[in-house]
Amino acid sequence: MDQIFLQLFQPATLLYALFIFCARIIDVSLGTVRTIAIVHGRTTLAFWLGFFESAVWLAVVSTIVPTVVEQPLLGVVYALGFATGNLVGIKIERVLALGNLILRVISRFNTAELIHSLREAGYRVTTFTGEGRSGPVTELYIVCRRRDLRSLLKRIVAIDNQAFYVTEQAGSVSNVYRPIMQPVTGWRAIIKKK
């Protein structure tokens, strides 16, 4: 058993373990994002992610299978890379924020100002009146890109900090209106002028 631990801490073995760990993170992260891309109907993105995912997986598996018999702790490193890759893939997908959401906001206060603010920002807002536990409410129905959700919620809470909201995944959407774009600045402005 001591022999196995000594082998693991050899510089060449440590580098090999690091390669396996990192390659596994890349492979599983690509797989996680690919799965989410499939759910959102992004076929081209899913195709290329699947291609690179399988290439990395083949490289890792073809090198680790013969070695695991001699150094079983590399199997543990392989499993740790897999588990970490799931977490990294989820974080990457949250940053990419693929797809659209349905945002339902139930508001009792400053509703007219809220609706006006959202429409001025370029969102399409459909409203419904209803009755809540504490009296009349207005439901705002908005379809937005997932990547716009955080800024949209900040805008809503700034006007009505007691607003209740729920999000749902949107399948097919005929048209999503994006917020009005700010003027392009920095290097994008230079490129746009050319």
N, C-alpha and C. Protein backbone atom coordinates (compact mmCIF):
# COMPACT_ATOMS: atom_id res chain seq x y z
N MET A 1 0.83 -1.20 0.00
CA MET A 1 0.00 0.00 0.00
C MET A 1 0.86 1.25 0.00
N ASP A 2 1.94 1.21 0.79
CA ASP A 2 2.86 2.36 0.82
C ASP A 2 3.47 2.59 -0.56
N GLN A 3 3.70 1.50 -1.26
CA GLN A 3 4.28 1.58 -2.61
C GLN A 3 3.35 2.37 -3.54
N ILE A 4 2.04 2.17 -3.41
CA ILE A 4 1.04 2.86 -4.26
C ILE A 4 1.08 4.35 -3.98
N PHE A 5 1.12 4.72 -2.70
CA PHE A 5 1.16 6.15 -2.35
C PHE A 5 2.46 6.80 -2.81
N LEU A 6 3.58 6.06 -2.69
CA LEU A 6 4.87 6.61 -3.15
C LEU A 6 4.85 6.85 -4.65
N GLN A 7 4.25 5.91 -5.39
CA GLN A 7 4.16 6.08 -6.84
C GLN A 7 3.33 7.30 -7.22
N LEU A 8 2.26 7.56 -6.46
CA LEU A 8 1.39 8.68 -6.77
C LEU A 8 2.11 10.01 -6.63
N PHE A 9 3.05 10.09 -5.69
CA PHE A 9 3.72 11.36 -5.43
C PHE A 9 5.01 11.54 -6.22
N GLN A 10 5.23 10.70 -7.21
CA GLN A 10 6.33 10.92 -8.14
C GLN A 10 5.96 12.09 -9.05
N PRO A 11 6.90 12.97 -9.40
CA PRO A 11 6.55 14.13 -10.24
C PRO A 11 5.84 13.76 -11.55
N ALA A 12 6.30 12.71 -12.21
CA ALA A 12 5.67 12.33 -13.47
C ALA A 12 4.23 11.86 -13.23
N THR A 13 4.00 11.13 -12.16
CA THR A 13 2.66 10.63 -11.85
C THR A 13 1.74 11.78 -11.46
N LEU A 14 2.28 12.73 -10.70
CA LEU A 14 1.47 13.89 -10.32
C LEU A 14 1.03 14.69 -11.54
N LEU A 15 1.94 14.86 -12.49
CA LEU A 15 1.59 15.57 -13.74
C LEU A 15 0.53 14.79 -14.52
N TYR A 16 0.70 13.48 -14.54
CA TYR A 16 -0.26 12.62 -15.23
C TYR A 16 -1.63 12.71 -14.56
N ALA A 17 -1.65 12.69 -13.23
CA ALA A 17 -2.90 12.82 -12.48
C ALA A 17 -3.55 14.17 -12.74
N LEU A 18 -2.75 15.22 -12.79
CA LEU A 18 -3.27 16.56 -13.08
C LEU A 18 -3.87 16.62 -14.48
N PHE A 19 -3.19 15.98 -15.44
CA PHE A 19 -3.71 15.92 -16.81
C PHE A 19 -5.07 15.23 -16.82
N ILE A 20 -5.17 14.09 -16.14
CA ILE A 20 -6.42 13.33 -16.10
C ILE A 20 -7.52 14.18 -15.47
N PHE A 21 -7.20 14.80 -14.34
CA PHE A 21 -8.18 15.61 -13.62
C PHE A 21 -8.69 16.75 -14.49
N CYS A 22 -7.78 17.51 -15.10
CA CYS A 22 -8.17 18.67 -15.93
C CYS A 22 -8.92 18.23 -17.19
N ALA A 23 -8.44 17.17 -17.83
CA ALA A 23 -9.11 16.69 -19.04
C ALA A 23 -10.51 16.21 -18.72
N ARG A 24 -10.67 15.58 -17.58
CA ARG A 24 -12.00 15.10 -17.17
C ARG A 24 -12.94 16.27 -16.88
N ILE A 25 -12.40 17.32 -16.27
CA ILE A 25 -13.22 18.52 -16.03
C ILE A 25 -13.69 19.10 -17.36
N ILE A 26 -12.78 19.20 -18.31
CA ILE A 26 -13.13 19.75 -19.63
C ILE A 26 -14.19 18.87 -20.31
N ASP A 27 -13.94 17.57 -20.31
CA ASP A 27 -14.85 16.62 -20.95
C ASP A 27 -16.26 16.69 -20.36
N VAL A 28 -16.36 16.63 -19.05
CA VAL A 28 -17.68 16.61 -18.40
C VAL A 28 -18.36 17.97 -18.50
N SER A 29 -17.59 19.06 -18.41
CA SER A 29 -18.17 20.40 -18.57
C SER A 29 -18.79 20.55 -19.95
N LEU A 30 -18.06 20.10 -20.97
CA LEU A 30 -18.61 20.15 -22.32
C LEU A 30 -19.89 19.32 -22.43
N GLY A 31 -19.89 18.16 -21.78
CA GLY A 31 -21.08 17.31 -21.80
C GLY A 31 -22.27 17.96 -21.12
N THR A 32 -22.02 18.63 -20.01
CA THR A 32 -23.10 19.30 -19.28
C THR A 32 -23.70 20.42 -20.12
N VAL A 33 -22.84 21.25 -20.69
CA VAL A 33 -23.32 22.36 -21.53
C VAL A 33 -23.99 21.82 -22.78
N ARG A 34 -23.47 20.72 -23.34
CA ARG A 34 -24.08 20.11 -24.53
C ARG A 34 -25.49 19.63 -24.23
N THR A 35 -25.67 18.99 -23.10
CA THR A 35 -26.99 18.50 -22.72
C THR A 35 -27.99 19.64 -22.61
N ILE A 36 -27.56 20.73 -22.01
CA ILE A 36 -28.44 21.89 -21.86
C ILE A 36 -28.71 22.53 -23.22
N ALA A 37 -27.70 22.54 -24.10
CA ALA A 37 -27.90 23.08 -25.44
C ALA A 37 -28.92 22.24 -26.21
N ILE A 38 -28.90 20.93 -26.01
CA ILE A 38 -29.89 20.05 -26.67
C ILE A 38 -31.29 20.38 -26.17
N VAL A 39 -31.44 20.56 -24.87
CA VAL A 39 -32.74 20.89 -24.30
C VAL A 39 -33.28 22.18 -24.88
N HIS A 40 -32.39 23.15 -25.15
CA HIS A 40 -32.82 24.44 -25.69
C HIS A 40 -32.88 24.46 -27.21
N GLY A 41 -32.63 23.31 -27.84
CA GLY A 41 -32.75 23.22 -29.30
C GLY A 41 -31.60 23.84 -30.06
N ARG A 42 -30.46 24.03 -29.44
CA ARG A 42 -29.28 24.60 -30.11
C ARG A 42 -28.48 23.48 -30.76
N THR A 43 -28.92 23.02 -31.92
CA THR A 43 -28.36 21.83 -32.53
C THR A 43 -26.91 21.99 -32.98
N THR A 44 -26.57 23.11 -33.58
CA THR A 44 -25.20 23.31 -34.04
C THR A 44 -24.23 23.35 -32.87
N LEU A 45 -24.58 24.08 -31.84
CA LEU A 45 -23.75 24.15 -30.64
C LEU A 45 -23.61 22.76 -30.01
N ALA A 46 -24.71 22.01 -29.93
CA ALA A 46 -24.68 20.67 -29.35
C ALA A 46 -23.79 19.73 -30.18
N PHE A 47 -23.83 19.88 -31.50
CA PHE A 47 -23.00 19.06 -32.37
C PHE A 47 -21.52 19.26 -32.06
N TRP A 48 -21.07 20.52 -32.05
CA TRP A 48 -19.65 20.80 -31.84
C TRP A 48 -19.20 20.48 -30.42
N LEU A 49 -20.05 20.75 -29.46
CA LEU A 49 -19.70 20.39 -28.08
C LEU A 49 -19.57 18.87 -27.94
N GLY A 50 -20.47 18.12 -28.59
CA GLY A 50 -20.40 16.66 -28.56
C GLY A 50 -19.14 16.14 -29.23
N PHE A 51 -18.74 16.77 -30.32
CA PHE A 51 -17.53 16.37 -31.02
C PHE A 51 -16.30 16.52 -30.12
N PHE A 52 -16.15 17.71 -29.52
CA PHE A 52 -14.98 17.95 -28.68
C PHE A 52 -15.05 17.14 -27.37
N GLU A 53 -16.23 16.97 -26.85
CA GLU A 53 -16.40 16.18 -25.63
C GLU A 53 -15.92 14.75 -25.86
N SER A 54 -16.36 14.13 -26.96
CA SER A 54 -15.98 12.74 -27.22
C SER A 54 -14.49 12.62 -27.52
N ALA A 55 -13.91 13.62 -28.18
CA ALA A 55 -12.47 13.59 -28.46
C ALA A 55 -11.65 13.62 -27.17
N VAL A 56 -12.03 14.50 -26.26
CA VAL A 56 -11.32 14.58 -24.98
C VAL A 56 -11.53 13.30 -24.18
N TRP A 57 -12.75 12.78 -24.17
CA TRP A 57 -13.05 11.56 -23.43
C TRP A 57 -12.21 10.39 -23.94
N LEU A 58 -12.11 10.25 -25.27
CA LEU A 58 -11.31 9.17 -25.85
C LEU A 58 -9.85 9.29 -25.44
N ALA A 59 -9.33 10.53 -25.45
CA ALA A 59 -7.93 10.73 -25.07
C ALA A 59 -7.69 10.32 -23.62
N VAL A 60 -8.61 10.68 -22.76
CA VAL A 60 -8.44 10.36 -21.33
C VAL A 60 -8.61 8.87 -21.08
N VAL A 61 -9.67 8.28 -21.61
CA VAL A 61 -9.94 6.87 -21.35
C VAL A 61 -8.84 5.98 -21.92
N SER A 62 -8.38 6.30 -23.12
CA SER A 62 -7.35 5.45 -23.73
C SER A 62 -6.03 5.49 -22.96
N THR A 63 -5.79 6.58 -22.24
CA THR A 63 -4.54 6.64 -21.46
C THR A 63 -4.71 6.12 -20.05
N ILE A 64 -5.88 6.24 -19.46
CA ILE A 64 -6.02 5.87 -18.04
C ILE A 64 -6.33 4.40 -17.83
N VAL A 65 -7.05 3.76 -18.74
CA VAL A 65 -7.48 2.37 -18.50
C VAL A 65 -6.29 1.44 -18.26
N PRO A 66 -5.25 1.47 -19.07
CA PRO A 66 -4.13 0.57 -18.79
C PRO A 66 -3.38 0.94 -17.48
N THR A 67 -3.43 2.19 -17.10
CA THR A 67 -2.65 2.66 -15.96
C THR A 67 -3.35 2.44 -14.63
N VAL A 68 -4.67 2.41 -14.62
CA VAL A 68 -5.42 2.30 -13.36
C VAL A 68 -5.12 0.98 -12.65
N VAL A 69 -4.85 -0.07 -13.39
CA VAL A 69 -4.54 -1.36 -12.77
C VAL A 69 -3.28 -1.23 -11.91
N GLU A 70 -2.29 -0.51 -12.44
CA GLU A 70 -1.03 -0.33 -11.70
C GLU A 70 -1.14 0.75 -10.62
N GLN A 71 -1.92 1.79 -10.89
CA GLN A 71 -2.05 2.91 -9.95
C GLN A 71 -3.53 3.22 -9.72
N PRO A 72 -4.16 2.47 -8.80
CA PRO A 72 -5.60 2.63 -8.58
C PRO A 72 -6.01 4.03 -8.13
N LEU A 73 -5.12 4.78 -7.53
CA LEU A 73 -5.48 6.13 -7.08
C LEU A 73 -5.75 7.07 -8.25
N LEU A 74 -5.24 6.73 -9.44
CA LEU A 74 -5.57 7.54 -10.62
C LEU A 74 -7.05 7.40 -10.96
N GLY A 75 -7.65 6.27 -10.60
CA GLY A 75 -9.09 6.10 -10.77
C GLY A 75 -9.87 7.07 -9.90
N VAL A 76 -9.34 7.31 -8.70
CA VAL A 76 -9.97 8.29 -7.80
C VAL A 76 -9.84 9.69 -8.39
N VAL A 77 -8.67 9.99 -8.96
CA VAL A 77 -8.46 11.30 -9.60
C VAL A 77 -9.42 11.45 -10.78
N TYR A 78 -9.62 10.39 -11.54
CA TYR A 78 -10.55 10.39 -12.66
C TYR A 78 -11.97 10.70 -12.18
N ALA A 79 -12.39 10.06 -11.08
CA ALA A 79 -13.73 10.29 -10.53
C ALA A 79 -13.86 11.70 -9.98
N LEU A 80 -12.83 12.21 -9.33
CA LEU A 80 -12.86 13.60 -8.83
C LEU A 80 -12.97 14.59 -9.99
N GLY A 81 -12.28 14.32 -11.09
CA GLY A 81 -12.38 15.18 -12.27
C GLY A 81 -13.79 15.16 -12.84
N PHE A 82 -14.42 13.98 -12.83
CA PHE A 82 -15.80 13.87 -13.31
C PHE A 82 -16.74 14.71 -12.45
N ALA A 83 -16.64 14.56 -11.13
CA ALA A 83 -17.52 15.30 -10.21
C ALA A 83 -17.30 16.80 -10.33
N THR A 84 -16.04 17.21 -10.41
CA THR A 84 -15.74 18.64 -10.54
C THR A 84 -16.22 19.17 -11.88
N GLY A 85 -16.13 18.37 -12.93
CA GLY A 85 -16.60 18.77 -14.25
C GLY A 85 -18.08 19.08 -14.27
N ASN A 86 -18.87 18.32 -13.50
CA ASN A 86 -20.30 18.62 -13.40
C ASN A 86 -20.52 20.02 -12.83
N LEU A 87 -19.81 20.33 -11.75
CA LEU A 87 -19.95 21.66 -11.14
C LEU A 87 -19.51 22.77 -12.08
N VAL A 88 -18.38 22.56 -12.74
CA VAL A 88 -17.85 23.58 -13.66
C VAL A 88 -18.81 23.76 -14.84
N GLY A 89 -19.35 22.66 -15.36
CA GLY A 89 -20.29 22.74 -16.47
C GLY A 89 -21.54 23.53 -16.12
N ILE A 90 -22.04 23.33 -14.91
CA ILE A 90 -23.22 24.09 -14.46
C ILE A 90 -22.88 25.57 -14.34
N LYS A 91 -21.70 25.88 -13.80
CA LYS A 91 -21.29 27.30 -13.68
C LYS A 91 -21.16 27.93 -15.06
N ILE A 92 -20.56 27.21 -16.00
CA ILE A 92 -20.40 27.74 -17.37
C ILE A 92 -21.76 28.01 -17.99
N GLU A 93 -22.68 27.06 -17.83
CA GLU A 93 -24.01 27.24 -18.41
C GLU A 93 -24.74 28.42 -17.79
N ARG A 94 -24.54 28.63 -16.50
CA ARG A 94 -25.18 29.80 -15.87
C ARG A 94 -24.62 31.09 -16.42
N VAL A 95 -23.34 31.11 -16.75
CA VAL A 95 -22.75 32.31 -17.35
C VAL A 95 -23.28 32.50 -18.77
N LEU A 96 -23.36 31.41 -19.54
CA LEU A 96 -23.87 31.51 -20.91
C LEU A 96 -25.37 31.83 -20.91
N ALA A 97 -26.10 31.31 -19.95
CA ALA A 97 -27.54 31.54 -19.78
C ALA A 97 -28.29 31.35 -21.10
N LEU A 98 -28.24 30.13 -21.60
CA LEU A 98 -28.92 29.82 -22.85
C LEU A 98 -30.43 29.78 -22.65
N GLY A 99 -31.15 30.16 -23.65
CA GLY A 99 -32.60 29.99 -23.64
C GLY A 99 -33.38 31.19 -23.16
N ASN A 100 -34.67 30.98 -23.09
CA ASN A 100 -35.62 32.03 -22.69
C ASN A 100 -36.41 31.59 -21.46
N LEU A 101 -36.91 32.56 -20.76
CA LEU A 101 -37.71 32.32 -19.57
C LEU A 101 -39.04 33.05 -19.68
N ILE A 102 -40.01 32.52 -18.97
CA ILE A 102 -41.25 33.25 -18.74
C ILE A 102 -41.16 33.77 -17.32
N LEU A 103 -41.28 35.06 -17.18
CA LEU A 103 -41.23 35.69 -15.86
C LEU A 103 -42.63 36.20 -15.53
N ARG A 104 -43.16 35.70 -14.43
CA ARG A 104 -44.46 36.16 -13.94
C ARG A 104 -44.20 36.97 -12.68
N VAL A 105 -44.63 38.21 -12.70
CA VAL A 105 -44.44 39.10 -11.55
C VAL A 105 -45.82 39.47 -11.03
N ILE A 106 -46.02 39.29 -9.73
CA ILE A 106 -47.28 39.70 -9.11
C ILE A 106 -46.97 40.90 -8.23
N SER A 107 -47.61 42.01 -8.55
CA SER A 107 -47.29 43.29 -7.91
C SER A 107 -48.55 43.93 -7.32
N ARG A 108 -48.36 44.56 -6.17
CA ARG A 108 -49.46 45.30 -5.55
C ARG A 108 -49.15 46.79 -5.50
N PHE A 109 -47.86 47.15 -5.58
CA PHE A 109 -47.47 48.54 -5.38
C PHE A 109 -46.75 49.07 -6.62
N ASN A 110 -47.00 50.32 -6.94
CA ASN A 110 -46.33 51.01 -8.05
C ASN A 110 -46.43 50.23 -9.37
N THR A 111 -47.55 49.58 -9.57
CA THR A 111 -47.70 48.72 -10.74
C THR A 111 -47.63 49.49 -12.05
N ALA A 112 -48.29 50.63 -12.12
CA ALA A 112 -48.27 51.41 -13.36
C ALA A 112 -46.84 51.86 -13.69
N GLU A 113 -46.11 52.30 -12.67
CA GLU A 113 -44.72 52.73 -12.88
C GLU A 113 -43.86 51.54 -13.32
N LEU A 114 -44.10 50.39 -12.73
CA LEU A 114 -43.35 49.18 -13.07
C LEU A 114 -43.59 48.79 -14.52
N ILE A 115 -44.84 48.76 -14.93
CA ILE A 115 -45.18 48.40 -16.31
C ILE A 115 -44.55 49.39 -17.28
N HIS A 116 -44.68 50.68 -16.98
CA HIS A 116 -44.11 51.72 -17.85
C HIS A 116 -42.59 51.56 -17.96
N SER A 117 -41.92 51.32 -16.84
CA SER A 117 -40.47 51.18 -16.83
C SER A 117 -40.01 49.99 -17.67
N LEU A 118 -40.70 48.87 -17.54
CA LEU A 118 -40.32 47.68 -18.29
C LEU A 118 -40.56 47.85 -19.79
N ARG A 119 -41.67 48.49 -20.13
CA ARG A 119 -41.95 48.72 -21.55
C ARG A 119 -40.98 49.73 -22.15
N GLU A 120 -40.62 50.74 -21.37
CA GLU A 120 -39.63 51.72 -21.84
C GLU A 120 -38.27 51.06 -22.07
N ALA A 121 -37.97 50.03 -21.28
CA ALA A 121 -36.70 49.33 -21.44
C ALA A 121 -36.71 48.36 -22.62
N GLY A 122 -37.87 48.18 -23.26
CA GLY A 122 -37.94 47.34 -24.45
C GLY A 122 -38.58 45.99 -24.24
N TYR A 123 -39.06 45.72 -23.04
CA TYR A 123 -39.73 44.44 -22.79
C TYR A 123 -41.20 44.53 -23.15
N ARG A 124 -41.73 43.44 -23.67
CA ARG A 124 -43.17 43.34 -23.89
C ARG A 124 -43.77 42.82 -22.60
N VAL A 125 -44.75 43.51 -22.10
CA VAL A 125 -45.37 43.15 -20.83
C VAL A 125 -46.87 42.99 -21.06
N THR A 126 -47.39 41.84 -20.69
CA THR A 126 -48.83 41.61 -20.72
C THR A 126 -49.30 41.57 -19.28
N THR A 127 -50.41 42.24 -18.98
CA THR A 127 -50.87 42.31 -17.60
C THR A 127 -52.23 41.65 -17.42
N PHE A 128 -52.44 41.14 -16.22
CA PHE A 128 -53.71 40.54 -15.82
C PHE A 128 -54.03 41.05 -14.42
N THR A 129 -55.27 41.36 -14.18
CA THR A 129 -55.65 41.76 -12.83
C THR A 129 -56.19 40.54 -12.09
N GLY A 130 -55.95 40.54 -10.79
CA GLY A 130 -56.40 39.41 -9.99
C GLY A 130 -56.61 39.81 -8.55
N GLU A 131 -56.87 38.82 -7.76
CA GLU A 131 -57.15 39.05 -6.35
C GLU A 131 -56.18 38.19 -5.54
N GLY A 132 -55.40 38.83 -4.67
CA GLY A 132 -54.51 38.12 -3.78
C GLY A 132 -55.07 38.06 -2.38
N ARG A 133 -54.31 37.51 -1.46
CA ARG A 133 -54.76 37.39 -0.08
C ARG A 133 -55.01 38.76 0.55
N SER A 134 -54.19 39.75 0.13
CA SER A 134 -54.30 41.08 0.73
C SER A 134 -55.03 42.08 -0.15
N GLY A 135 -55.68 41.62 -1.20
CA GLY A 135 -56.42 42.54 -2.05
C GLY A 135 -56.05 42.41 -3.51
N PRO A 136 -56.38 43.43 -4.32
CA PRO A 136 -56.14 43.36 -5.76
C PRO A 136 -54.64 43.36 -6.09
N VAL A 137 -54.30 42.58 -7.12
CA VAL A 137 -52.91 42.50 -7.59
C VAL A 137 -52.92 42.57 -9.12
N THR A 138 -51.76 42.84 -9.67
CA THR A 138 -51.58 42.80 -11.12
C THR A 138 -50.48 41.79 -11.42
N GLU A 139 -50.76 40.89 -12.35
CA GLU A 139 -49.73 39.95 -12.79
C GLU A 139 -49.14 40.47 -14.09
N LEU A 140 -47.82 40.52 -14.12
CA LEU A 140 -47.09 40.92 -15.33
C LEU A 140 -46.50 39.66 -15.93
N TYR A 141 -46.73 39.47 -17.20
CA TYR A 141 -46.25 38.29 -17.91
C TYR A 141 -45.21 38.77 -18.91
N ILE A 142 -43.98 38.29 -18.75
CA ILE A 142 -42.87 38.77 -19.58
C ILE A 142 -42.06 37.57 -20.07
N VAL A 143 -41.74 37.53 -21.35
CA VAL A 143 -40.81 36.54 -21.87
C VAL A 143 -39.49 37.25 -22.09
N CYS A 144 -38.42 36.67 -21.53
CA CYS A 144 -37.11 37.32 -21.65
C CYS A 144 -36.01 36.27 -21.83
N ARG A 145 -34.87 36.73 -22.27
CA ARG A 145 -33.71 35.85 -22.35
C ARG A 145 -33.21 35.57 -20.93
N ARG A 146 -32.70 34.38 -20.69
CA ARG A 146 -32.19 34.06 -19.35
C ARG A 146 -31.10 35.01 -18.93
N ARG A 147 -30.27 35.43 -19.87
CA ARG A 147 -29.15 36.31 -19.51
C ARG A 147 -29.62 37.70 -19.09
N ASP A 148 -30.86 38.05 -19.41
CA ASP A 148 -31.39 39.36 -19.01
C ASP A 148 -32.12 39.32 -17.68
N LEU A 149 -32.32 38.13 -17.13
CA LEU A 149 -33.16 37.98 -15.94
C LEU A 149 -32.65 38.79 -14.76
N ARG A 150 -31.37 38.72 -14.47
CA ARG A 150 -30.83 39.41 -13.29
C ARG A 150 -31.08 40.92 -13.35
N SER A 151 -30.77 41.54 -14.50
CA SER A 151 -30.98 42.99 -14.61
C SER A 151 -32.47 43.33 -14.61
N LEU A 152 -33.28 42.46 -15.18
CA LEU A 152 -34.72 42.67 -15.18
C LEU A 152 -35.28 42.63 -13.75
N LEU A 153 -34.84 41.67 -12.97
CA LEU A 153 -35.30 41.58 -11.58
C LEU A 153 -34.83 42.77 -10.74
N LYS A 154 -33.63 43.26 -11.00
CA LYS A 154 -33.15 44.46 -10.28
C LYS A 154 -34.06 45.65 -10.57
N ARG A 155 -34.45 45.78 -11.81
CA ARG A 155 -35.34 46.87 -12.21
C ARG A 155 -36.69 46.74 -11.51
N ILE A 156 -37.21 45.52 -11.46
CA ILE A 156 -38.51 45.28 -10.84
C ILE A 156 -38.46 45.57 -9.34
N VAL A 157 -37.45 45.02 -8.66
CA VAL A 157 -37.34 45.19 -7.21
C VAL A 157 -37.07 46.64 -6.84
N ALA A 158 -36.39 47.39 -7.70
CA ALA A 158 -36.15 48.82 -7.42
C ALA A 158 -37.45 49.60 -7.38
N ILE A 159 -38.44 49.17 -8.14
CA ILE A 159 -39.73 49.88 -8.18
C ILE A 159 -40.71 49.30 -7.16
N ASP A 160 -40.76 47.97 -7.06
CA ASP A 160 -41.65 47.32 -6.09
C ASP A 160 -40.87 46.22 -5.39
N ASN A 161 -40.32 46.55 -4.22
CA ASN A 161 -39.47 45.57 -3.53
C ASN A 161 -40.28 44.45 -2.87
N GLN A 162 -41.60 44.52 -2.94
CA GLN A 162 -42.44 43.45 -2.41
C GLN A 162 -43.05 42.60 -3.51
N ALA A 163 -42.60 42.82 -4.74
CA ALA A 163 -43.13 42.04 -5.87
C ALA A 163 -42.76 40.57 -5.69
N PHE A 164 -43.69 39.71 -6.05
CA PHE A 164 -43.46 38.27 -6.02
C PHE A 164 -43.25 37.83 -7.46
N TYR A 165 -42.26 36.99 -7.70
CA TYR A 165 -42.02 36.55 -9.08
C TYR A 165 -41.74 35.06 -9.13
N VAL A 166 -42.04 34.50 -10.29
CA VAL A 166 -41.80 33.09 -10.58
C VAL A 166 -41.25 33.02 -12.00
N THR A 167 -40.27 32.16 -12.21
CA THR A 167 -39.76 31.95 -13.56
C THR A 167 -40.08 30.53 -14.00
N GLU A 168 -40.28 30.39 -15.31
CA GLU A 168 -40.52 29.09 -15.92
C GLU A 168 -39.66 29.02 -17.17
N GLN A 169 -39.24 27.81 -17.50
CA GLN A 169 -38.50 27.60 -18.74
C GLN A 169 -39.46 27.77 -19.91
N ALA A 170 -39.07 28.54 -20.91
CA ALA A 170 -39.90 28.72 -22.11
C ALA A 170 -39.40 27.77 -23.19
N GLY A 171 -40.30 27.00 -23.77
CA GLY A 171 -39.92 26.11 -24.86
C GLY A 171 -39.70 26.90 -26.14
N SER A 172 -40.64 26.84 -27.04
CA SER A 172 -40.56 27.62 -28.28
C SER A 172 -41.17 28.98 -28.05
N VAL A 173 -40.48 30.00 -28.52
CA VAL A 173 -40.95 31.38 -28.40
C VAL A 173 -40.91 31.99 -29.79
N SER A 174 -42.02 32.62 -30.20
CA SER A 174 -42.07 33.18 -31.56
C SER A 174 -41.16 34.38 -31.70
N ASN A 175 -41.08 35.21 -30.68
CA ASN A 175 -40.23 36.40 -30.76
C ASN A 175 -39.98 36.93 -29.36
N VAL A 176 -38.73 37.15 -29.04
CA VAL A 176 -38.38 37.72 -27.74
C VAL A 176 -37.83 39.11 -27.98
N TYR A 177 -38.46 40.08 -27.36
CA TYR A 177 -37.97 41.45 -27.48
C TYR A 177 -36.91 41.67 -26.43
N ARG A 178 -35.79 42.17 -26.89
CA ARG A 178 -34.67 42.41 -25.99
C ARG A 178 -34.73 43.83 -25.49
N PRO A 179 -34.12 44.07 -24.34
CA PRO A 179 -34.11 45.44 -23.83
C PRO A 179 -33.40 46.37 -24.80
N ILE A 180 -33.73 47.62 -24.73
CA ILE A 180 -33.10 48.61 -25.60
C ILE A 180 -31.62 48.64 -25.28
N MET A 181 -30.83 48.56 -26.33
CA MET A 181 -29.38 48.50 -26.15
C MET A 181 -28.82 49.87 -25.77
N GLN A 182 -27.82 49.84 -24.92
CA GLN A 182 -27.08 51.04 -24.59
C GLN A 182 -26.14 51.36 -25.75
N PRO A 183 -25.71 52.61 -25.89
CA PRO A 183 -24.77 52.93 -26.96
C PRO A 183 -23.50 52.10 -26.83
N VAL A 184 -23.00 51.65 -27.97
CA VAL A 184 -21.79 50.84 -27.97
C VAL A 184 -20.59 51.72 -27.60
N THR A 185 -19.77 51.20 -26.68
CA THR A 185 -18.59 51.93 -26.24
C THR A 185 -17.37 51.03 -26.34
N GLY A 186 -16.20 51.60 -26.09
CA GLY A 186 -14.96 50.81 -26.07
C GLY A 186 -14.58 50.31 -27.44
N TRP A 187 -13.97 49.13 -27.47
CA TRP A 187 -13.48 48.57 -28.73
C TRP A 187 -14.62 48.22 -29.68
N ARG A 188 -15.80 47.94 -29.16
CA ARG A 188 -16.94 47.63 -30.03
C ARG A 188 -17.35 48.85 -30.87
N ALA A 189 -17.22 50.04 -30.27
CA ALA A 189 -17.57 51.26 -30.99
C ALA A 189 -16.62 51.48 -32.16
N ILE A 190 -15.36 51.16 -31.96
CA ILE A 190 -14.35 51.32 -33.03
C ILE A 190 -14.66 50.37 -34.17
N ILE A 191 -14.97 49.13 -33.85
CA ILE A 191 -15.27 48.13 -34.87
C ILE A 191 -16.53 48.50 -35.63
N LYS A 192 -17.54 49.00 -34.93
CA LYS A 192 -18.81 49.35 -35.55
C LYS A 192 -18.65 50.50 -36.55
N LYS A 193 -17.71 51.43 -36.29
CA LYS A 193 -17.51 52.57 -37.18
C LYS A 193 -16.88 52.16 -38.50
N LYS A 194 -16.16 51.04 -38.51
CA LYS A 194 -15.45 50.64 -39.73
C LYS A 194 -16.38 50.11 -40.77
